[in-house]
């Protein structure tokens, strides 16, 4: 029996097939078209929405936005690859109605409209709110690092530049010494020809010295630039990128912050910064998520990297109930002594009760950054304490900030809801894993912070669209977009 054979490619059809027949009702491209057509691109902030009366016609921003949403939804982010898809991909041909923009037009659109993509992301958050996909009660906040277009060998800190300059000075001193020794030997030895004698080695040394001096001068210029701007590091390929902490496994990149609603793991808010640590980013991320979800109060859970009293106090003032576990750190812990958590504070008496049962009273008052710090101690109790060897070398002091009641209230909340930390881990790790592994975004394609923010807005939008399709399906999303 013969195999199935296809249709002859040169055969003419009496009734040609329509491109629309190749795109089923459940195809995501139908929602992309409905969603973009429902946006007021002029109000959102896209450029060239209104065509000029003269000159060559340009592409409608709506069509290029549809192309980018489709691309990020299907792991195609490169402008050159998107151009290829317009020629061969039947879904893209349907979506763009046979339009075929070149890669430069596609790339320029992403750069020129970088700020508008954040608004498009928020418009989709509003759509998900209409479908009741957000719980709007608890968000999980966390950060991850994504590599920038800047190799770690093209990033320099003050310490590394100072070390390079010191090494260059030492090498130059060694080479100059060898040159002096070579000159002394030439004075004692008659010159023999001009080919392989001492002069050849002297020429190579001179070349090495010139190369080292040139690199040393460039390093000194970069160090002077850091002194002038007050920055702590400089990147040559992407000036806004920063060297991340070693534990992140990303050499030079950006810090991505997400606030994820725990109900369906949808992203409520996203932001990109070049701040190395998460410290101090909780309040602004959680507050923006609260505004995006349209609620006056919300709970936010984060890991120990966000534990900062000023940030937690700002959350409380803004209507965000924070849950952040206290990190185990401090000089006493590093030396193997009791941590501060074993000292119980009694607000009525304004004393700390130590593990041996002694009361530590306020003794010293000073300033810690913008806060007032009070040190509690009891020298007499420490002298005769049986636990002294496990607590201190001389006498123990326990510090408390004047506004530390904020942390006490949060510790009490955590004690009542220890499971809230599991909600954070189960929620916020899902989008990070999906973005990095399934969507394949281990690195950015664009340079400079504002461009990277626009690029990640498309990534977060694509993630939310994929999640929403799983939850309600394409027809449900289309109906909501057209409502």
Protein backbone atom coordinates (compact mmCIF):
# COMPACT_ATOMS: atom_id res chain seq x y z
CA UNK A 1 0.00 0.00 0.00
CA UNK A 2 1.37 3.41 -0.97
CA UNK A 3 2.08 6.20 1.51
CA UNK A 4 -0.09 9.29 1.76
CA UNK A 5 0.98 11.90 -0.78
CA UNK A 6 0.53 15.65 -0.58
CA UNK A 7 -0.95 18.02 -3.11
CA UNK A 8 1.08 19.04 -6.14
CA UNK A 9 2.60 22.46 -5.34
CA UNK A 10 2.08 23.70 -8.92
CA UNK A 11 -1.63 22.74 -9.00
CA UNK A 12 -3.97 25.71 -9.36
CA UNK A 13 -6.94 25.84 -7.01
CA UNK A 14 -10.34 26.97 -8.25
CA UNK A 15 -11.21 28.31 -4.77
CA UNK A 16 -7.95 29.34 -3.03
CA UNK A 17 -7.71 28.61 0.69
CA UNK A 18 -7.88 31.65 2.97
CA UNK A 19 -5.09 32.37 5.45
CA UNK A 20 -7.78 32.70 8.11
CA UNK A 21 -8.48 28.96 7.78
CA UNK A 22 -5.03 28.19 9.17
CA UNK A 23 -5.64 30.09 12.43
CA UNK A 24 -8.14 28.38 14.70
CA UNK A 25 -10.44 30.11 17.18
CA UNK A 26 -8.21 29.05 20.11
CA UNK A 27 -5.03 30.42 18.57
CA UNK A 28 -3.35 33.06 20.82
CA UNK A 29 -2.81 35.39 17.85
CA UNK A 30 -6.53 36.08 17.80
CA UNK A 31 -6.34 37.38 21.37
CA UNK A 32 -3.20 39.42 20.58
CA UNK A 33 -5.10 41.18 17.81
CA UNK A 34 -8.17 41.79 19.97
CA UNK A 35 -6.07 43.07 22.89
CA UNK A 36 -3.93 45.49 20.85
CA UNK A 37 -6.88 46.75 18.81
CA UNK A 38 -8.59 47.64 22.07
CA UNK A 39 -5.71 49.85 23.25
CA UNK A 40 -5.52 53.58 22.76
CA UNK A 41 -1.91 53.58 21.58
CA UNK A 42 -1.75 57.35 21.47
CA UNK A 43 -2.75 57.59 25.15
CA UNK A 44 -0.44 54.70 26.06
CA UNK A 45 2.53 56.67 24.70
CA UNK A 46 3.49 55.07 21.39
CA UNK A 47 5.12 57.30 18.78
CA UNK A 48 3.93 57.77 15.20
CA UNK A 49 0.40 56.57 15.97
CA UNK A 50 -1.05 59.26 13.74
CA UNK A 51 0.39 59.01 10.21
CA UNK A 52 1.80 62.12 8.57
CA UNK A 53 0.01 63.60 5.58
CA UNK A 54 3.22 63.70 3.53
CA UNK A 55 6.15 61.39 3.00
CA UNK A 56 6.45 57.66 2.67
CA UNK A 57 3.82 55.64 4.62
CA UNK A 58 5.12 53.90 7.73
CA UNK A 59 4.03 50.85 9.65
CA UNK A 60 1.19 51.11 12.14
CA UNK A 61 2.59 50.82 15.71
CA UNK A 62 -0.27 48.42 16.47
CA UNK A 63 1.09 45.91 13.95
CA UNK A 64 4.62 46.09 15.32
CA UNK A 65 3.34 45.76 18.89
CA UNK A 66 1.39 42.64 17.88
CA UNK A 67 4.57 41.23 16.34
CA UNK A 68 6.57 41.79 19.53
CA UNK A 69 3.92 40.32 21.82
CA UNK A 70 3.75 37.27 19.57
CA UNK A 71 7.54 37.00 19.51
CA UNK A 72 8.01 37.18 23.26
CA UNK A 73 5.11 34.79 23.75
CA UNK A 74 6.90 32.27 21.50
CA UNK A 75 10.50 32.81 22.67
CA UNK A 76 11.49 34.91 19.64
CA UNK A 77 13.02 38.19 20.85
CA UNK A 78 15.58 39.05 18.17
CA UNK A 79 14.49 41.61 15.57
CA UNK A 80 16.22 39.60 12.83
CA UNK A 81 14.40 36.43 13.83
CA UNK A 82 11.12 38.31 13.97
CA UNK A 83 11.75 39.54 10.42
CA UNK A 84 12.27 35.92 9.35
CA UNK A 85 8.99 34.90 11.00
CA UNK A 86 7.06 37.48 8.93
CA UNK A 87 8.11 35.59 5.79
CA UNK A 88 7.54 31.98 6.84
CA UNK A 89 5.26 31.78 9.90
CA UNK A 90 1.58 31.47 8.93
CA UNK A 91 0.46 32.81 12.33
CA UNK A 92 2.57 35.96 11.90
CA UNK A 93 1.42 36.31 8.28
CA UNK A 94 -2.18 36.20 9.54
CA UNK A 95 -1.45 38.61 12.40
CA UNK A 96 0.31 41.20 10.22
CA UNK A 97 -1.85 40.65 7.11
CA UNK A 98 1.21 39.82 4.97
CA UNK A 99 3.19 42.87 6.14
CA UNK A 100 6.94 42.23 6.18
CA UNK A 101 8.87 44.96 8.07
CA UNK A 102 12.65 44.69 8.02
CA UNK A 103 14.68 43.99 11.16
CA UNK A 104 15.81 47.61 11.60
CA UNK A 105 12.23 48.87 11.60
CA UNK A 106 11.35 46.20 14.17
CA UNK A 107 14.35 47.02 16.38
CA UNK A 108 13.78 50.78 16.17
CA UNK A 109 10.17 50.33 17.27
CA UNK A 110 11.25 48.56 20.46
CA UNK A 111 13.82 51.23 21.27
CA UNK A 112 11.59 54.22 20.46
CA UNK A 113 8.63 52.91 22.48
CA UNK A 114 10.51 51.46 25.46
CA UNK A 115 8.50 53.45 28.03
CA UNK A 116 5.11 52.55 26.52
CA UNK A 117 5.58 48.80 27.02
CA UNK A 118 5.23 49.21 30.81
CA UNK A 119 1.81 50.79 30.29
CA UNK A 120 0.76 47.93 27.98
CA UNK A 121 1.79 45.50 30.71
CA UNK A 122 -0.39 47.37 33.22
CA UNK A 123 -3.31 47.41 30.79
CA UNK A 124 -3.18 43.62 30.73
CA UNK A 125 -3.08 43.58 34.55
CA UNK A 126 -6.33 45.59 34.45
CA UNK A 127 -7.81 43.02 32.06
CA UNK A 128 -6.86 40.20 34.44
CA UNK A 129 -8.48 42.12 37.29
CA UNK A 130 -11.72 42.26 35.28
CA UNK A 131 -11.52 38.48 34.94
CA UNK A 132 -10.96 38.15 38.72
CA UNK A 133 -7.63 36.37 38.24
CA UNK A 134 -5.91 38.22 41.11
CA UNK A 135 -6.53 37.41 44.75
CA UNK A 136 -5.46 40.98 45.63
CA UNK A 137 -4.71 39.98 49.23
CA UNK A 138 -1.11 38.73 49.31
CA UNK A 139 1.78 39.37 46.94
CA UNK A 140 5.19 37.71 47.03
CA UNK A 141 8.11 40.05 46.33
CA UNK A 142 11.50 38.83 45.19
CA UNK A 143 14.34 39.76 42.90
CA UNK A 144 16.56 37.97 40.43
CA UNK A 145 19.48 38.99 38.27
CA UNK A 146 19.60 38.79 34.48
CA UNK A 147 22.83 39.20 32.54
CA UNK A 148 23.46 42.42 30.65
CA UNK A 149 25.23 42.97 27.34
CA UNK A 150 28.47 43.56 29.21
CA UNK A 151 31.15 40.97 29.93
CA UNK A 152 32.54 40.95 33.46
CA UNK A 153 35.99 41.72 32.03
CA UNK A 154 34.54 45.05 30.83
CA UNK A 155 33.33 46.05 34.29
CA UNK A 156 35.62 47.85 36.76
CA UNK A 157 35.23 48.81 40.41
CA UNK A 158 37.35 51.26 42.38
CA UNK A 159 39.16 48.38 44.06
CA UNK A 160 39.88 46.54 40.81
CA UNK A 161 41.15 49.71 39.08
CA UNK A 162 43.42 50.53 42.03
CA UNK A 163 44.77 46.96 41.92
CA UNK A 164 45.37 47.13 38.14
CA UNK A 165 47.23 50.43 38.53
CA UNK A 166 49.36 49.03 41.35
CA UNK A 167 50.21 45.91 39.32
CA UNK A 168 51.07 48.07 36.31
CA UNK A 169 53.40 50.22 38.44
CA UNK A 170 55.17 47.11 39.73
CA UNK A 171 55.57 45.70 36.20
CA UNK A 172 56.83 49.03 34.90
CA UNK A 173 59.36 49.23 37.71
CA UNK A 174 60.60 45.72 36.85
CA UNK A 175 60.87 46.48 33.14
CA UNK A 176 62.66 49.77 33.77
CA UNK A 177 65.15 47.94 35.97
CA UNK A 178 65.78 45.42 33.19
CA UNK A 179 66.28 48.28 30.72
CA UNK A 180 68.83 49.91 33.02
CA UNK A 181 70.66 46.59 33.38
CA UNK A 182 70.63 46.15 29.59
CA UNK A 183 72.10 49.63 29.10
CA UNK A 184 74.86 48.85 31.60
CA UNK A 185 75.70 45.61 29.78
CA UNK A 186 75.82 47.42 26.43
CA UNK A 187 78.37 49.86 27.86
CA UNK A 188 80.66 46.95 28.82
CA UNK A 189 80.02 44.79 25.71
CA UNK A 190 80.88 45.89 22.13
CA UNK A 191 77.87 46.07 19.79
CA UNK A 192 77.70 43.14 17.33
CA UNK A 193 75.47 43.88 14.37
CA UNK A 194 71.88 45.04 14.67
CA UNK A 195 69.92 41.79 14.34
CA UNK A 196 69.79 39.43 17.32
CA UNK A 197 71.98 41.36 19.79
CA UNK A 198 70.96 43.19 22.91
CA UNK A 199 69.12 45.81 20.92
CA UNK A 200 66.39 43.31 19.88
CA UNK A 201 65.47 42.50 23.49
CA UNK A 202 65.51 46.18 24.39
CA UNK A 203 62.99 46.92 21.62
CA UNK A 204 60.58 44.27 22.88
CA UNK A 205 60.84 45.64 26.41
CA UNK A 206 60.04 49.10 25.10
CA UNK A 207 56.91 47.77 23.38
CA UNK A 208 55.75 46.05 26.58
CA UNK A 209 56.37 49.21 28.60
CA UNK A 210 54.35 51.29 26.11
CA UNK A 211 51.44 48.81 26.23
CA UNK A 212 51.37 48.72 30.05
CA UNK A 213 51.60 52.51 30.26
CA UNK A 214 48.70 52.85 27.84
CA UNK A 215 46.51 50.48 29.85
CA UNK A 216 47.57 52.17 33.09
CA UNK A 217 46.57 55.57 31.70
CA UNK A 218 43.15 54.22 30.67
CA UNK A 219 42.62 52.73 34.15
CA UNK A 220 43.56 56.05 35.75
CA UNK A 221 41.08 57.86 33.50
CA UNK A 222 38.29 55.46 34.55
CA UNK A 223 39.22 55.89 38.21
CA UNK A 224 39.08 59.66 37.79
CA UNK A 225 35.66 59.27 36.14
CA UNK A 226 34.41 57.31 39.17
CA UNK A 227 35.72 60.04 41.46
CA UNK A 228 34.00 62.70 39.38
CA UNK A 229 30.59 60.96 39.21
CA UNK A 230 30.65 59.36 42.67
CA UNK A 231 29.78 55.94 41.21
CA UNK A 232 31.26 52.75 42.65
CA UNK A 233 31.86 50.93 39.35
CA UNK A 234 31.96 51.50 35.61
CA UNK A 235 30.88 49.28 32.69
CA UNK A 236 32.21 49.89 29.22
CA UNK A 237 29.73 48.01 26.97
CA UNK A 238 26.57 48.90 28.92
CA UNK A 239 27.26 51.89 31.19
CA UNK A 240 24.13 51.26 33.30
CA UNK A 241 24.89 47.59 34.05
CA UNK A 242 26.43 46.68 37.40
CA UNK A 243 28.47 43.80 38.76
CA UNK A 244 26.12 41.67 40.81
CA UNK A 245 26.86 39.84 44.06
CA UNK A 246 28.78 36.59 43.59
CA UNK A 247 25.97 34.47 45.04
CA UNK A 248 23.69 35.47 42.13
CA UNK A 249 25.91 33.70 39.53
CA UNK A 250 25.46 36.67 37.19
CA UNK A 251 28.63 38.61 36.49
CA UNK A 252 27.29 41.93 35.22
CA UNK A 253 23.57 42.53 34.87
CA UNK A 254 20.39 44.09 36.21
CA UNK A 255 18.23 43.45 39.28
CA UNK A 256 14.68 42.37 38.36
CA UNK A 257 11.96 42.91 40.97
CA UNK A 258 8.60 41.13 40.83
CA UNK A 259 5.46 41.33 42.94
CA UNK A 260 3.50 38.13 42.24
CA UNK A 261 -0.10 37.61 43.32
CA UNK A 262 -0.16 34.26 45.12
CA UNK A 263 -3.61 33.23 43.83
CA UNK A 264 -2.60 32.30 40.26
CA UNK A 265 1.09 33.34 40.21
CA UNK A 266 0.38 36.29 37.93
CA UNK A 267 2.79 39.24 37.98
CA UNK A 268 1.12 42.29 39.49
CA UNK A 269 4.13 44.60 39.23
CA UNK A 270 7.63 44.43 37.77
CA UNK A 271 10.59 46.76 37.82
CA UNK A 272 14.22 46.75 36.70
CA UNK A 273 17.04 48.51 38.53
CA UNK A 274 20.81 48.36 38.60
CA UNK A 275 20.91 48.21 42.39
CA UNK A 276 23.01 45.23 43.41
CA UNK A 277 21.08 44.26 46.57
CA UNK A 278 17.35 43.91 47.21
CA UNK A 279 17.68 45.94 50.41
CA UNK A 280 15.36 48.94 50.30
CA UNK A 281 13.25 47.81 47.31
CA UNK A 282 10.32 46.20 49.16
CA UNK A 283 8.19 49.28 49.83
CA UNK A 284 8.33 50.69 46.31
CA UNK A 285 7.61 47.31 44.67
CA UNK A 286 4.76 46.35 47.02
CA UNK A 287 3.19 49.82 46.88
CA UNK A 288 3.23 49.82 43.07
CA UNK A 289 1.62 46.36 43.10
CA UNK A 290 -1.08 47.61 45.49
CA UNK A 291 -1.87 50.48 43.12
CA UNK A 292 -1.90 48.18 40.08
CA UNK A 293 -4.32 45.80 41.82
CA UNK A 294 -6.59 48.66 42.85
CA UNK A 295 -6.67 47.99 46.60
CA UNK A 296 -6.03 50.26 49.58
CA UNK A 297 -4.28 47.63 51.70
CA UNK A 298 -2.32 44.49 50.85
CA UNK A 299 0.02 41.97 52.43
CA UNK A 300 3.52 41.41 51.05
CA UNK A 301 5.96 38.63 51.87
CA UNK A 302 9.66 38.70 51.00
CA UNK A 303 12.87 36.91 51.97
CA UNK A 304 15.60 38.03 54.38
CA UNK A 305 17.32 40.11 51.72
CA UNK A 306 14.62 42.79 52.15
CA UNK A 307 14.97 43.14 55.92
CA UNK A 308 15.47 46.86 56.46
CA UNK A 309 13.62 48.73 59.18
CA UNK A 310 13.16 51.94 57.17
CA UNK A 311 11.68 49.97 54.27
CA UNK A 312 9.34 47.96 56.49
CA UNK A 313 8.22 51.14 58.23
CA UNK A 314 7.51 52.71 54.83
CA UNK A 315 5.39 49.66 53.95
CA UNK A 316 3.36 50.06 57.12
CA UNK A 317 2.76 53.75 56.39
CA UNK A 318 1.63 52.97 52.83
CA UNK A 319 -0.88 50.30 53.86
CA UNK A 320 1.33 47.29 53.09
CA UNK A 321 1.51 44.61 55.78
CA UNK A 322 5.00 43.17 55.41
CA UNK A 323 6.23 39.68 56.29
CA UNK A 324 10.04 39.52 56.18
CA UNK A 325 12.04 37.03 58.29
CA UNK A 326 14.87 38.49 60.30
CA UNK A 327 18.35 37.57 59.02
CA UNK A 328 20.81 35.99 61.41
CA UNK A 329 23.67 38.48 61.33
CA UNK A 330 25.73 40.72 63.58
CA UNK A 331 29.17 40.62 65.25
CA UNK A 332 27.96 38.43 68.15
CA UNK A 333 26.64 35.77 65.76
CA UNK A 334 29.86 35.84 63.72
CA UNK A 335 31.87 35.18 66.88
CA UNK A 336 29.62 32.30 67.94
CA UNK A 337 27.80 34.09 70.77
CA UNK A 338 24.07 34.30 71.48
CA UNK A 339 22.11 36.19 68.84
CA UNK A 340 19.85 39.12 69.62
CA UNK A 341 16.77 36.95 69.06
CA UNK A 342 17.30 35.12 72.39
CA UNK A 343 17.05 38.42 74.29
CA UNK A 344 13.39 39.18 75.06
CA UNK A 345 12.34 42.82 75.03
CA UNK A 346 9.70 43.97 77.52
CA UNK A 347 8.24 47.30 76.35
CA UNK A 348 6.46 48.04 79.63
CA UNK A 349 9.75 48.00 81.56
CA UNK A 350 11.92 49.08 78.61
CA UNK A 351 14.44 46.31 79.31
CA UNK A 352 15.89 43.27 77.56
CA UNK A 353 15.82 39.98 79.48
CA UNK A 354 18.89 37.87 78.67
CA UNK A 355 19.00 34.02 78.48
CA UNK A 356 20.18 33.94 82.12
CA UNK A 357 17.16 35.97 83.24
CA UNK A 358 18.96 39.25 83.99
CA UNK A 359 17.46 42.58 82.91
CA UNK A 360 19.50 44.83 80.58
CA UNK A 361 18.58 48.51 80.95
CA UNK A 362 19.19 51.41 78.53
CA UNK A 363 22.73 52.73 79.02
CA UNK A 364 23.97 54.37 75.82
CA UNK A 365 22.21 56.49 73.22
CA UNK A 366 23.51 57.37 69.78
CA UNK A 367 22.69 57.58 66.07
CA UNK A 368 22.64 54.80 63.49
CA UNK A 369 22.20 56.32 60.03
CA UNK A 370 18.87 58.16 60.26
CA UNK A 371 17.67 56.32 63.38
CA UNK A 372 18.25 56.79 67.07
CA UNK A 373 19.91 53.71 68.60
CA UNK A 374 19.81 52.73 72.27
CA UNK A 375 22.24 50.18 73.76
CA UNK A 376 21.05 48.07 76.70
CA UNK A 377 23.53 46.54 79.17
CA UNK A 378 24.00 45.21 82.72
CA UNK A 379 27.71 45.05 83.61
CA UNK A 380 27.18 43.69 87.13
CA UNK A 381 25.03 40.80 85.90
CA UNK A 382 27.56 39.87 83.18
CA UNK A 383 30.45 39.63 85.69
CA UNK A 384 28.84 36.81 87.68
CA UNK A 385 26.88 35.17 84.81
CA UNK A 386 27.35 31.43 84.27
CA UNK A 387 26.55 31.84 80.54
CA UNK A 388 29.11 34.59 79.97
CA UNK A 389 31.43 32.42 77.86
CA UNK A 390 28.56 31.78 75.44
CA UNK A 391 27.42 35.40 75.37
CA UNK A 392 30.35 37.85 75.45
CA UNK A 393 34.02 38.37 76.22
CA UNK A 394 33.50 41.28 78.63
CA UNK A 395 29.92 42.47 79.01
CA UNK A 396 26.99 42.20 76.60
CA UNK A 397 25.30 45.12 74.88
CA UNK A 398 22.05 44.71 72.94
CA UNK A 399 21.01 47.51 70.58
CA UNK A 400 17.49 48.65 69.81
CA UNK A 401 16.37 51.31 67.37
CA UNK A 402 13.87 53.90 68.50
CA UNK A 403 11.32 52.74 65.88
CA UNK A 404 12.01 49.01 66.33
CA UNK A 405 8.41 48.42 67.39
CA UNK A 406 7.73 48.07 63.66
CA UNK A 407 9.91 44.95 63.63
CA UNK A 408 8.27 43.62 66.80
CA UNK A 409 4.84 43.84 65.19
CA UNK A 410 6.11 42.06 62.08
CA UNK A 411 7.75 39.31 64.19
CA UNK A 412 4.43 38.76 65.97
CA UNK A 413 2.64 38.46 62.62
CA UNK A 414 5.19 35.93 61.36
CA UNK A 415 4.83 33.86 64.52
CA UNK A 416 1.08 33.60 63.87
CA UNK A 417 1.51 32.81 60.13
CA UNK A 418 4.75 30.85 59.58
CA UNK A 419 3.26 29.29 56.43
CA UNK A 420 3.26 32.66 54.65
CA UNK A 421 6.94 32.15 53.80
CA UNK A 422 6.02 29.00 51.87
CA UNK A 423 3.55 31.07 49.82
CA UNK A 424 6.42 33.34 48.81
CA UNK A 425 8.62 30.49 47.66
CA UNK A 426 5.83 28.67 45.79
CA UNK A 427 4.62 31.82 44.04
CA UNK A 428 7.49 34.06 43.05
CA UNK A 429 9.88 31.33 41.97
CA UNK A 430 7.41 30.19 39.31
CA UNK A 431 7.66 33.25 37.03
CA UNK A 432 11.43 33.48 37.48
CA UNK A 433 11.86 29.84 36.49
CA UNK A 434 9.49 30.23 33.54
CA UNK A 435 11.17 33.40 32.29
CA UNK A 436 14.70 32.05 32.53
CA UNK A 437 14.15 28.44 31.51
CA UNK A 438 11.05 28.09 29.35
CA UNK A 439 11.17 31.58 27.82
CA UNK A 440 14.96 31.38 27.56
CA UNK A 441 15.69 34.90 28.83
CA UNK A 442 19.00 34.37 30.57
CA UNK A 443 20.33 37.64 29.18
CA UNK A 444 19.05 40.94 27.83
CA UNK A 445 19.42 41.93 24.20
CA UNK A 446 19.41 45.70 24.74
CA UNK A 447 21.75 48.11 26.53
CA UNK A 448 21.05 50.96 28.96
CA UNK A 449 18.59 50.83 31.83
CA UNK A 450 15.57 52.41 30.12
CA UNK A 451 15.86 50.06 27.13
CA UNK A 452 16.19 47.05 29.41
CA UNK A 453 13.08 48.13 31.35
CA UNK A 454 11.09 48.21 28.12
CA UNK A 455 12.43 44.82 27.09
CA UNK A 456 11.50 43.19 30.39
CA UNK A 457 8.01 44.73 30.29
CA UNK A 458 7.43 42.69 27.14
CA UNK A 459 8.76 39.60 28.91
CA UNK A 460 6.47 40.07 31.92
CA UNK A 461 3.51 40.76 29.62
CA UNK A 462 4.18 37.54 27.67
CA UNK A 463 4.40 35.56 30.92
CA UNK A 464 1.05 36.93 32.14
CA UNK A 465 -0.62 36.29 28.78
CA UNK A 466 0.57 32.68 28.84
CA UNK A 467 -0.71 32.20 32.40
CA UNK A 468 -4.07 33.82 31.58
CA UNK A 469 -4.54 31.61 28.51
CA UNK A 470 -3.98 28.58 30.74
CA UNK A 471 -6.53 29.85 33.26
CA UNK A 472 -9.41 31.11 31.10
CA UNK A 473 -8.53 30.20 27.51
CA UNK A 474 -8.23 32.32 24.38
CA UNK A 475 -12.02 32.82 23.80
CA UNK A 476 -12.43 34.06 27.38
CA UNK A 477 -9.60 36.56 26.97
CA UNK A 478 -10.97 37.77 23.63
CA UNK A 479 -14.40 38.33 25.14
CA UNK A 480 -12.87 40.34 28.00
CA UNK A 481 -10.71 42.41 25.63
CA UNK A 482 -13.73 43.32 23.49
CA UNK A 483 -16.04 44.04 26.43
